[in-house]
């Protein structure tokens, strides 16, 4: 039995969930999300627009594996359409700074050139200070992908800790050369 799959998902007041065919449409104030659900393997119940529960029709190895994942995907879509997801990135290093230029994020990361990152549709980026970037959106996966792409421009190095990191991320530090 899946521990996560058993838990039912409560729907906030502003969010609507409708099952049409094998597509679960979730609509809220921050956006819409359509999820494909395998109705041959799972049964989805929406109770009076307040709770969603997902149960496998036949319990076997394959359905056990997918049960918790499908429940998590539905839960992420509900949370994303009601409150959204947000990650904060920090630029650590002398001369490292970020700025917004229309629909591009301009990054100066110690290279001989600036890096211009095109902001994808559905993602909102705010530069609070020159060294703090706030990435937010309704899709958890897309927010994570954008953050990992921005972090890949300058990964945190272990000696001085310079680079782009998430707020609260711990970098394993190494000791430098000894004389």
Protein backbone atom coordinates (compact mmCIF):
# COMPACT_ATOMS: atom_id res chain seq x y z
CA UNK A 1 0.00 0.00 0.00
CA UNK A 2 1.16 3.50 -0.80
CA UNK A 3 1.41 5.73 2.27
CA UNK A 4 1.20 8.90 0.18
CA UNK A 5 -1.46 7.59 -2.22
CA UNK A 6 -3.96 6.86 0.58
CA UNK A 7 -4.13 10.50 1.72
CA UNK A 8 -6.95 12.45 0.09
CA UNK A 9 -6.26 15.90 -1.39
CA UNK A 10 -8.29 18.81 -0.02
CA UNK A 11 -9.26 21.43 -2.60
CA UNK A 12 -9.17 25.13 -1.54
CA UNK A 13 -12.28 27.26 -2.14
CA UNK A 14 -10.88 29.16 -5.15
CA UNK A 15 -9.83 26.00 -7.04
CA UNK A 16 -12.09 23.93 -9.31
CA UNK A 17 -11.32 20.33 -10.28
CA UNK A 18 -13.23 18.61 -13.11
CA UNK A 19 -12.64 15.13 -14.51
CA UNK A 20 -13.53 14.97 -18.23
CA UNK A 21 -12.68 11.65 -19.81
CA UNK A 22 -9.18 10.71 -18.67
CA UNK A 23 -8.08 14.36 -18.22
CA UNK A 24 -8.27 16.02 -14.81
CA UNK A 25 -8.60 19.80 -15.25
CA UNK A 26 -7.56 21.90 -12.26
CA UNK A 27 -8.26 25.63 -12.47
CA UNK A 28 -7.43 28.28 -9.88
CA UNK A 29 -6.58 31.96 -9.52
CA UNK A 30 -2.93 31.45 -10.57
CA UNK A 31 -3.47 29.18 -13.57
CA UNK A 32 -4.81 26.03 -15.16
CA UNK A 33 -3.32 22.56 -15.29
CA UNK A 34 -4.52 19.51 -17.19
CA UNK A 35 -3.32 16.10 -15.98
CA UNK A 36 -3.75 12.82 -17.82
CA UNK A 37 -4.87 10.04 -15.47
CA UNK A 38 -4.82 6.38 -16.48
CA UNK A 39 -8.43 5.41 -15.70
CA UNK A 40 -7.79 1.76 -16.56
CA UNK A 41 -5.42 1.54 -13.60
CA UNK A 42 -6.84 4.18 -11.17
CA UNK A 43 -10.24 5.49 -10.11
CA UNK A 44 -10.43 9.20 -9.27
CA UNK A 45 -13.20 10.49 -6.97
CA UNK A 46 -14.03 14.18 -6.56
CA UNK A 47 -16.23 14.63 -3.46
CA UNK A 48 -18.47 17.73 -3.74
CA UNK A 49 -15.58 19.80 -5.10
CA UNK A 50 -13.80 19.63 -1.71
CA UNK A 51 -11.63 16.49 -1.89
CA UNK A 52 -9.92 14.37 -4.52
CA UNK A 53 -8.98 10.76 -3.82
CA UNK A 54 -7.19 8.33 -6.11
CA UNK A 55 -7.26 4.54 -5.68
CA UNK A 56 -5.93 1.71 -7.84
CA UNK A 57 -8.55 -0.62 -9.34
CA UNK A 58 -6.22 -3.62 -8.98
CA UNK A 59 -3.31 -3.60 -6.49
CA UNK A 60 -0.12 -5.00 -8.06
CA UNK A 61 3.54 -3.97 -8.25
CA UNK A 62 3.03 -1.54 -11.13
CA UNK A 63 -0.01 0.24 -9.66
CA UNK A 64 1.68 0.53 -6.24
CA UNK A 65 4.61 2.34 -7.89
CA UNK A 66 2.44 4.81 -9.76
CA UNK A 67 -0.19 5.43 -7.07
CA UNK A 68 1.81 7.83 -4.86
CA UNK A 69 3.33 9.59 -7.87
CA UNK A 70 -0.06 10.32 -9.44
CA UNK A 71 -1.41 11.58 -6.10
CA UNK A 72 1.63 13.88 -5.74
CA UNK A 73 1.20 15.25 -9.28
CA UNK A 74 -2.46 16.06 -8.58
CA UNK A 75 -1.56 17.66 -5.23
CA UNK A 76 1.21 19.76 -6.84
CA UNK A 77 -1.26 20.99 -9.48
CA UNK A 78 -3.82 21.96 -6.79
CA UNK A 79 -1.21 23.82 -4.70
CA UNK A 80 0.28 25.48 -7.81
CA UNK A 81 -3.07 26.80 -9.04
CA UNK A 82 -4.05 28.15 -5.59
CA UNK A 83 -0.84 29.49 -3.97
CA UNK A 84 1.94 28.82 -6.50
CA UNK A 85 5.56 27.84 -6.00
CA UNK A 86 8.53 30.07 -5.29
CA UNK A 87 12.29 29.59 -5.06
CA UNK A 88 14.88 32.17 -4.06
CA UNK A 89 18.33 32.13 -5.64
CA UNK A 90 21.36 33.92 -4.18
CA UNK A 91 24.38 35.11 -6.17
CA UNK A 92 27.53 34.82 -4.06
CA UNK A 93 30.73 36.35 -5.41
CA UNK A 94 32.44 39.69 -6.00
CA UNK A 95 30.83 41.48 -8.94
CA UNK A 96 28.05 38.90 -9.40
CA UNK A 97 24.78 40.66 -10.12
CA UNK A 98 21.43 40.17 -11.82
CA UNK A 99 19.08 42.58 -13.58
CA UNK A 100 15.83 42.33 -15.51
CA UNK A 101 15.70 43.65 -19.07
CA UNK A 102 12.12 43.29 -20.40
CA UNK A 103 11.61 39.49 -20.82
CA UNK A 104 15.25 38.58 -20.16
CA UNK A 105 17.28 38.04 -17.02
CA UNK A 106 20.73 39.59 -17.40
CA UNK A 107 23.42 37.91 -15.29
CA UNK A 108 26.97 39.13 -14.69
CA UNK A 109 28.85 36.17 -13.24
CA UNK A 110 32.52 36.97 -13.64
CA UNK A 111 32.76 35.81 -17.24
CA UNK A 112 34.04 38.08 -20.06
CA UNK A 113 30.42 38.39 -21.27
CA UNK A 114 26.96 38.86 -19.75
CA UNK A 115 24.49 35.97 -19.82
CA UNK A 116 20.98 36.76 -21.05
CA UNK A 117 18.39 34.18 -19.97
CA UNK A 118 14.99 34.25 -21.71
CA UNK A 119 12.20 33.94 -19.14
CA UNK A 120 9.78 31.16 -20.20
CA UNK A 121 5.99 31.54 -20.35
CA UNK A 122 4.27 31.00 -16.98
CA UNK A 123 7.32 31.95 -14.90
CA UNK A 124 7.69 35.24 -13.04
CA UNK A 125 11.18 36.41 -12.04
CA UNK A 126 11.78 39.28 -9.62
CA UNK A 127 15.23 40.68 -8.83
CA UNK A 128 14.88 42.01 -5.28
CA UNK A 129 18.49 43.03 -4.75
CA UNK A 130 21.24 42.67 -7.31
CA UNK A 131 22.22 39.40 -5.66
CA UNK A 132 18.77 37.89 -4.95
CA UNK A 133 16.49 36.39 -7.61
CA UNK A 134 12.93 35.23 -6.81
CA UNK A 135 11.52 32.67 -9.27
CA UNK A 136 7.78 31.92 -8.99
CA UNK A 137 5.10 30.15 -10.99
CA UNK A 138 2.17 27.76 -10.81
CA UNK A 139 4.00 24.67 -12.15
CA UNK A 140 6.37 23.11 -9.60
CA UNK A 141 8.42 21.27 -12.23
CA UNK A 142 8.85 24.34 -14.43
CA UNK A 143 9.97 26.52 -11.46
CA UNK A 144 12.54 23.86 -10.52
CA UNK A 145 13.78 23.53 -14.12
CA UNK A 146 14.24 27.31 -14.49
CA UNK A 147 16.11 27.48 -11.16
CA UNK A 148 18.41 24.60 -12.11
CA UNK A 149 19.10 26.21 -15.51
CA UNK A 150 20.02 29.54 -13.85
CA UNK A 151 22.18 27.70 -11.27
CA UNK A 152 23.99 25.83 -14.08
CA UNK A 153 25.47 29.11 -15.39
CA UNK A 154 27.77 29.27 -12.31
CA UNK A 155 27.64 26.30 -9.96
CA UNK A 156 28.79 26.92 -6.36
CA UNK A 157 32.45 25.98 -6.01
CA UNK A 158 33.67 24.27 -2.82
CA UNK A 159 36.67 26.46 -1.92
CA UNK A 160 35.23 29.98 -1.62
CA UNK A 161 31.54 29.14 -2.06
CA UNK A 162 31.15 31.47 -5.04
CA UNK A 163 28.31 30.82 -7.49
CA UNK A 164 24.52 30.70 -7.67
CA UNK A 165 22.73 28.74 -4.95
CA UNK A 166 19.24 28.34 -3.56
CA UNK A 167 18.47 30.11 -0.31
CA UNK A 168 19.36 27.79 2.55
CA UNK A 169 21.36 25.38 0.35
CA UNK A 170 24.41 24.01 2.14
CA UNK A 171 27.66 23.86 0.15
CA UNK A 172 30.26 21.34 1.30
CA UNK A 173 33.40 23.41 1.72
CA UNK A 174 36.95 22.13 1.15
CA UNK A 175 40.11 23.29 2.79
CA UNK A 176 42.59 25.02 0.52
CA UNK A 177 46.27 24.25 -0.03
CA UNK A 178 48.55 24.22 2.99
CA UNK A 179 52.10 25.54 3.01
